[in-house]
Amino acid sequence: MVPILIVLLLALILFGAGFALKILWWVALIVLAVWLLGFVVRGTSAGGGRGRWYRW
């Protein structure tokens, strides 16, 4: 009985970790897309040069 519970618990943990990692990959891809898009849509600064689109 105990080995079956351990296997089921391990399967549940691995499923949860895999689901969380999949979500984190999607979040990372979205952040990368926004970061790359920032280089395209950034405006010009008062001096005529191209400024940063973020403040940090």
C-alpha atoms as a PDB file:
ATOM      1  CA  MET A   1       0.000   0.000   0.000  1.00  0.00           C
ATOM      2  CA  VAL A   2       2.782   2.431   0.919  1.00  0.00           C
ATOM      3  CA  PRO A   3       4.736   1.931  -2.351  1.00  0.00           C
ATOM      4  CA  ILE A   4       1.577   2.660  -4.363  1.00  0.00           C
ATOM      5  CA  LEU A   5       1.020   5.876  -2.415  1.00  0.00           C
ATOM      6  CA  ILE A   6       4.648   6.906  -2.940  1.00  0.00           C
ATOM      7  CA  VAL A   7       4.388   6.297  -6.689  1.00  0.00           C
ATOM      8  CA  LEU A   8       1.114   8.234  -6.917  1.00  0.00           C
ATOM      9  CA  LEU A   9       2.573  11.098  -4.887  1.00  0.00           C
ATOM     10  CA  LEU A  10       5.670  11.174  -7.081  1.00  0.00           C
ATOM     11  CA  ALA A  11       3.514  11.191 -10.226  1.00  0.00           C
ATOM     12  CA  LEU A  12       1.438  14.059  -8.832  1.00  0.00           C
ATOM     13  CA  ILE A  13       4.550  16.084  -7.951  1.00  0.00           C
ATOM     14  CA  LEU A  14       6.127  15.519 -11.366  1.00  0.00           C
ATOM     15  CA  PHE A  15       2.885  16.430 -13.142  1.00  0.00           C
ATOM     16  CA  GLY A  16       2.627  19.630 -11.109  1.00  0.00           C
ATOM     17  CA  ALA A  17       6.259  20.533 -11.753  1.00  0.00           C
ATOM     18  CA  GLY A  18       5.889  19.867 -15.467  1.00  0.00           C
ATOM     19  CA  PHE A  19       2.769  22.028 -15.651  1.00  0.00           C
ATOM     20  CA  ALA A  20       4.492  24.860 -13.741  1.00  0.00           C
ATOM     21  CA  LEU A  21       7.574  24.657 -15.954  1.00  0.00           C
ATOM     22  CA  LYS A  22       5.412  24.771 -19.079  1.00  0.00           C
ATOM     23  CA  ILE A  23       3.710  27.923 -17.817  1.00  0.00           C
ATOM     24  CA  LEU A  24       7.089  29.462 -16.970  1.00  0.00           C
ATOM     25  CA  TRP A  25       8.316  28.786 -20.516  1.00  0.00           C
ATOM     26  CA  TRP A  26       5.262  30.576 -21.940  1.00  0.00           C
ATOM     27  CA  VAL A  27       5.837  33.532 -19.584  1.00  0.00           C
ATOM     28  CA  ALA A  28       9.503  33.668 -20.621  1.00  0.00           C
ATOM     29  CA  LEU A  29       8.553  33.678 -24.307  1.00  0.00           C
ATOM     30  CA  ILE A  30       6.036  36.488 -23.783  1.00  0.00           C
ATOM     31  CA  VAL A  31       8.589  38.578 -21.880  1.00  0.00           C
ATOM     32  CA  LEU A  32      11.165  37.979 -24.623  1.00  0.00           C
ATOM     33  CA  ALA A  33       8.660  39.054 -27.289  1.00  0.00           C
ATOM     34  CA  VAL A  34       7.829  42.262 -25.391  1.00  0.00           C
ATOM     35  CA  TRP A  35      11.538  42.975 -24.873  1.00  0.00           C
ATOM     36  CA  LEU A  36      12.299  42.522 -28.580  1.00  0.00           C
ATOM     37  CA  LEU A  37       9.246  44.567 -29.540  1.00  0.00           C
ATOM     38  CA  GLY A  38      10.608  47.393 -27.392  1.00  0.00           C
ATOM     39  CA  PHE A  39      13.595  47.770 -29.701  1.00  0.00           C
ATOM     40  CA  VAL A  40      11.257  48.266 -32.662  1.00  0.00           C
ATOM     41  CA  VAL A  41       8.790  50.717 -31.132  1.00  0.00           C
ATOM     42  CA  ARG A  42      11.073  52.853 -28.987  1.00  0.00           C
ATOM     43  CA  GLY A  43      10.858  56.536 -29.762  1.00  0.00           C
ATOM     44  CA  THR A  44      13.503  59.200 -30.229  1.00  0.00           C
ATOM     45  CA  SER A  45      14.799  61.303 -27.364  1.00  0.00           C
ATOM     46  CA  ALA A  46      14.972  65.100 -27.263  1.00  0.00           C
ATOM     47  CA  GLY A  47      18.558  65.027 -28.578  1.00  0.00           C
ATOM     48  CA  GLY A  48      17.515  63.188 -31.706  1.00  0.00           C
ATOM     49  CA  GLY A  49      18.936  59.852 -30.613  1.00  0.00           C
ATOM     50  CA  ARG A  50      16.989  56.756 -29.890  1.00  0.00           C
ATOM     51  CA  GLY A  51      16.132  56.484 -26.215  1.00  0.00           C
ATOM     52  CA  ARG A  52      15.361  53.535 -24.041  1.00  0.00           C
ATOM     53  CA  TRP A  53      11.728  52.443 -23.926  1.00  0.00           C
ATOM     54  CA  TYR A  54      12.016  51.312 -20.327  1.00  0.00           C
ATOM     55  CA  ARG A  55      13.011  53.334 -17.256  1.00  0.00           C
ATOM     56  CA  TRP A  56      15.301  50.917 -15.458  1.00  0.00           C
END
